[in-house]
């Protein structure tokens, strides 16, 4: 999947104040390419990722996926796009506490109406080394295990675009290294375009390109 952002602005209102978080961001990502967006907290990284995922809409400018302008898409179309073509890995995991690891991974497939959701979810858990933890609930998993479940959930639909928001931010160093290796290996195996938001220069250096976001602009 090709990604293209052109002159994207995002302004939030706080009472009478207007806060411009993104101030004219443009970049592209080719199918299978990995791009890191690096910046300090508050630089606009997560807001940028939300624009790409269709979780929020830009104040102005365009976000295009395979030539489709997301601002013209309905909420239903955006939800379908996220369910079938975009995988998202969050820093906070966002696993559903009442579902097992297997059920969490199977959920996007079930929402998409896949008849083989459970075996595909089981295969995805095996690919991240957690086949033995399939019946465990999030509270029974370590941070690294929970993040690997989140990776399996993001990749189980074989998305064309993978978005990762500080995916190692809550992990200790050794676990973070393993999780990062897993993300890059699986994205490479599936030829998935990867946009990785991080404050870690070490993690960013593993991507094919680095973009530095500062005060809502690429420096």
Protein backbone atom coordinates (compact mmCIF):
# COMPACT_ATOMS: atom_id res chain seq x y z
CA UNK A 1 0.00 0.00 0.00
CA UNK A 2 1.33 3.45 -0.90
CA UNK A 3 0.86 6.28 1.57
CA UNK A 4 0.99 9.99 0.74
CA UNK A 5 0.44 13.01 2.98
CA UNK A 6 0.32 16.47 1.45
CA UNK A 7 0.47 19.65 3.55
CA UNK A 8 -1.39 18.14 6.51
CA UNK A 9 -2.43 20.56 9.26
CA UNK A 10 -4.21 19.68 12.48
CA UNK A 11 -5.55 22.28 14.90
CA UNK A 12 -7.28 21.57 18.20
CA UNK A 13 -9.49 24.01 20.09
CA UNK A 14 -9.00 24.44 23.82
CA UNK A 15 -11.64 26.91 24.86
CA UNK A 16 -10.80 30.11 23.01
CA UNK A 17 -7.29 28.91 22.15
CA UNK A 18 -6.30 27.23 18.88
CA UNK A 19 -3.39 24.80 19.17
CA UNK A 20 -1.78 23.83 15.87
CA UNK A 21 -0.22 20.40 16.38
CA UNK A 22 0.65 19.65 12.75
CA UNK A 23 1.69 22.62 10.65
CA UNK A 24 2.01 21.39 7.08
CA UNK A 25 3.40 17.86 7.05
CA UNK A 26 4.14 16.07 3.77
CA UNK A 27 5.73 12.67 3.17
CA UNK A 28 5.17 9.38 1.39
CA UNK A 29 5.79 5.71 2.06
CA UNK A 30 6.05 3.11 -0.70
CA UNK A 31 4.69 -0.44 -0.46
CA UNK A 32 6.99 -2.55 1.70
CA UNK A 33 9.02 0.47 2.87
CA UNK A 34 9.77 1.25 6.53
CA UNK A 35 9.72 4.87 7.70
CA UNK A 36 10.46 6.12 11.21
CA UNK A 37 8.92 9.32 12.54
CA UNK A 38 11.11 10.56 15.38
CA UNK A 39 10.44 13.39 17.81
CA UNK A 40 10.04 14.39 21.41
CA UNK A 41 6.79 14.03 23.34
CA UNK A 42 4.34 16.66 22.17
CA UNK A 43 5.91 17.05 18.73
CA UNK A 44 2.80 15.70 16.97
CA UNK A 45 3.89 12.10 16.30
CA UNK A 46 0.80 10.35 17.65
CA UNK A 47 -1.50 12.92 16.04
CA UNK A 48 0.19 12.22 12.71
CA UNK A 49 -0.36 8.49 13.13
CA UNK A 50 -4.04 9.09 13.95
CA UNK A 51 -4.40 11.03 10.67
CA UNK A 52 -2.88 8.14 8.70
CA UNK A 53 -5.11 5.56 10.43
CA UNK A 54 -8.25 7.58 9.78
CA UNK A 55 -8.86 7.80 13.54
CA UNK A 56 -8.88 11.58 13.19
CA UNK A 57 -9.19 13.92 10.24
CA UNK A 58 -6.82 16.74 9.28
CA UNK A 59 -7.93 20.34 9.56
CA UNK A 60 -6.54 20.77 6.05
CA UNK A 61 -4.35 18.86 3.63
CA UNK A 62 -4.75 15.33 2.31
CA UNK A 63 -3.99 11.79 3.43
CA UNK A 64 -4.03 9.26 0.60
CA UNK A 65 -3.81 5.47 0.73
CA UNK A 66 -3.31 3.91 -2.68
CA UNK A 67 -4.63 7.15 -4.13
CA UNK A 68 -7.78 7.17 -1.97
CA UNK A 69 -8.33 10.43 -0.10
CA UNK A 70 -9.32 9.52 3.45
CA UNK A 71 -11.08 12.79 4.21
CA UNK A 72 -13.79 11.81 1.75
CA UNK A 73 -14.35 8.37 3.34
CA UNK A 74 -17.22 7.63 5.72
CA UNK A 75 -16.61 6.35 9.24
CA UNK A 76 -17.84 2.93 8.09
CA UNK A 77 -15.38 2.91 5.19
CA UNK A 78 -12.53 3.94 7.48
CA UNK A 79 -13.40 1.20 9.99
CA UNK A 80 -13.45 -1.36 7.17
CA UNK A 81 -10.08 -0.07 5.94
CA UNK A 82 -8.55 -0.43 9.41
CA UNK A 83 -10.03 -3.90 9.76
CA UNK A 84 -8.68 -5.23 6.48
CA UNK A 85 -5.73 -3.18 5.28
CA UNK A 86 -4.19 -1.29 8.21
CA UNK A 87 -2.64 -2.85 11.30
CA UNK A 88 -2.04 -0.69 14.39
CA UNK A 89 0.28 -1.42 17.31
CA UNK A 90 -0.22 0.84 20.33
CA UNK A 91 2.20 1.62 23.15
CA UNK A 92 -0.47 0.66 25.72
CA UNK A 93 -1.31 -2.65 23.96
CA UNK A 94 -5.12 -2.03 24.06
CA UNK A 95 -5.98 -5.69 24.55
CA UNK A 96 -9.52 -6.47 25.70
CA UNK A 97 -9.24 -7.72 29.28
CA UNK A 98 -12.18 -10.14 29.08
CA UNK A 99 -10.82 -11.93 26.00
CA UNK A 100 -8.01 -14.48 25.90
CA UNK A 101 -4.90 -13.88 23.81
CA UNK A 102 -6.39 -16.04 21.05
CA UNK A 103 -9.71 -14.20 21.17
CA UNK A 104 -7.99 -10.81 21.06
CA UNK A 105 -6.05 -11.80 17.95
CA UNK A 106 -9.09 -13.36 16.29
CA UNK A 107 -11.30 -10.31 16.90
CA UNK A 108 -10.40 -8.28 13.76
CA UNK A 109 -10.92 -11.37 11.62
CA UNK A 110 -14.30 -12.03 13.20
CA UNK A 111 -15.35 -8.42 12.71
CA UNK A 112 -14.39 -8.80 9.03
CA UNK A 113 -16.55 -11.93 8.78
CA UNK A 114 -13.71 -14.44 8.29
CA UNK A 115 -14.89 -18.03 8.70
CA UNK A 116 -11.40 -19.24 9.66
CA UNK A 117 -10.69 -16.61 12.33
CA UNK A 118 -9.59 -19.01 15.08
CA UNK A 119 -7.02 -21.08 13.12
CA UNK A 120 -5.56 -17.93 11.58
CA UNK A 121 -5.33 -16.31 15.01
CA UNK A 122 -3.65 -19.43 16.39
CA UNK A 123 -1.10 -19.32 13.55
CA UNK A 124 -0.45 -15.63 14.25
CA UNK A 125 0.15 -16.34 17.94
CA UNK A 126 2.55 -19.11 16.98
CA UNK A 127 4.44 -16.69 14.72
CA UNK A 128 5.13 -14.44 17.73
CA UNK A 129 6.08 -17.37 19.96
CA UNK A 130 2.95 -17.39 22.12
CA UNK A 131 1.09 -20.52 21.05
CA UNK A 132 1.32 -21.80 24.63
CA UNK A 133 -0.32 -18.62 25.98
CA UNK A 134 -3.39 -18.70 23.71
CA UNK A 135 -5.84 -19.31 26.58
CA UNK A 136 -4.33 -16.70 28.91
CA UNK A 137 -5.98 -13.36 29.62
CA UNK A 138 -4.06 -10.06 29.34
CA UNK A 139 -3.68 -9.83 33.13
CA UNK A 140 -1.81 -13.15 33.05
CA UNK A 141 0.74 -11.92 30.48
CA UNK A 142 3.96 -9.97 30.95
CA UNK A 143 4.35 -6.62 29.19
CA UNK A 144 6.44 -8.21 26.45
CA UNK A 145 3.93 -11.00 25.95
CA UNK A 146 1.03 -8.53 25.81
CA UNK A 147 2.83 -6.51 23.16
CA UNK A 148 3.50 -9.65 21.12
CA UNK A 149 -0.21 -10.45 21.27
CA UNK A 150 -0.89 -6.92 20.03
CA UNK A 151 1.58 -7.46 17.17
CA UNK A 152 -0.15 -10.72 16.23
CA UNK A 153 -3.52 -8.95 16.27
CA UNK A 154 -2.21 -6.14 14.06
CA UNK A 155 -0.70 -8.51 11.51
CA UNK A 156 -3.26 -11.34 11.49
CA UNK A 157 -5.25 -9.70 8.67
CA UNK A 158 -2.02 -9.37 6.64
CA UNK A 159 -2.35 -5.59 6.37
CA UNK A 160 -0.76 -3.59 3.60
CA UNK A 161 0.22 -0.87 6.08
CA UNK A 162 1.41 -1.29 9.66
CA UNK A 163 1.38 1.67 12.05
CA UNK A 164 3.36 1.35 15.29
CA UNK A 165 3.06 4.02 17.99
CA UNK A 166 5.99 3.77 20.45
CA UNK A 167 5.65 -0.05 20.39
CA UNK A 168 8.56 -0.60 22.80
CA UNK A 169 7.96 2.44 25.01
CA UNK A 170 6.64 0.48 28.01
CA UNK A 171 9.12 -2.39 27.83
CA UNK A 172 12.49 -3.03 29.43
CA UNK A 173 15.52 -2.91 27.14
CA UNK A 174 15.93 -6.63 26.52
CA UNK A 175 12.22 -7.17 25.87
CA UNK A 176 12.10 -4.08 23.64
CA UNK A 177 14.90 -5.44 21.46
CA UNK A 178 13.01 -8.70 20.94
CA UNK A 179 9.72 -6.96 20.18
CA UNK A 180 11.40 -4.63 17.68
CA UNK A 181 13.04 -7.57 15.93
CA UNK A 182 9.66 -9.28 15.70
CA UNK A 183 7.93 -6.24 14.18
CA UNK A 184 10.57 -5.76 11.50
CA UNK A 185 10.79 -9.47 10.67
CA UNK A 186 7.05 -9.97 10.29
CA UNK A 187 6.60 -6.74 8.31
CA UNK A 188 9.40 -7.83 5.99
CA UNK A 189 7.95 -11.33 5.56
CA UNK A 190 4.51 -9.90 4.69
CA UNK A 191 5.94 -7.05 2.55
CA UNK A 192 3.99 -4.61 4.71
CA UNK A 193 4.69 -0.88 4.62
CA UNK A 194 5.67 0.26 8.13
CA UNK A 195 5.36 3.70 9.70
CA UNK A 196 7.00 3.61 13.11
CA UNK A 197 6.56 6.46 15.58
CA UNK A 198 9.27 6.52 18.22
CA UNK A 199 11.53 8.70 20.33
CA UNK A 200 14.23 6.00 20.16
CA UNK A 201 17.02 6.75 17.69
CA UNK A 202 18.17 3.11 17.92
CA UNK A 203 14.77 1.83 16.83
CA UNK A 204 14.43 4.48 14.12
CA UNK A 205 17.82 3.54 12.66
CA UNK A 206 16.43 0.12 11.74
CA UNK A 207 14.00 1.75 9.29
CA UNK A 208 14.91 2.57 5.72
CA UNK A 209 14.17 6.26 6.29
CA UNK A 210 13.96 8.60 9.27
CA UNK A 211 11.81 11.73 9.48
CA UNK A 212 12.31 14.11 12.41
CA UNK A 213 9.17 15.90 13.61
CA UNK A 214 9.64 19.08 15.64
CA UNK A 215 6.91 21.53 16.58
CA UNK A 216 4.54 20.00 14.06
CA UNK A 217 6.96 20.17 11.13
CA UNK A 218 9.57 17.88 9.65
CA UNK A 219 12.97 19.37 10.45
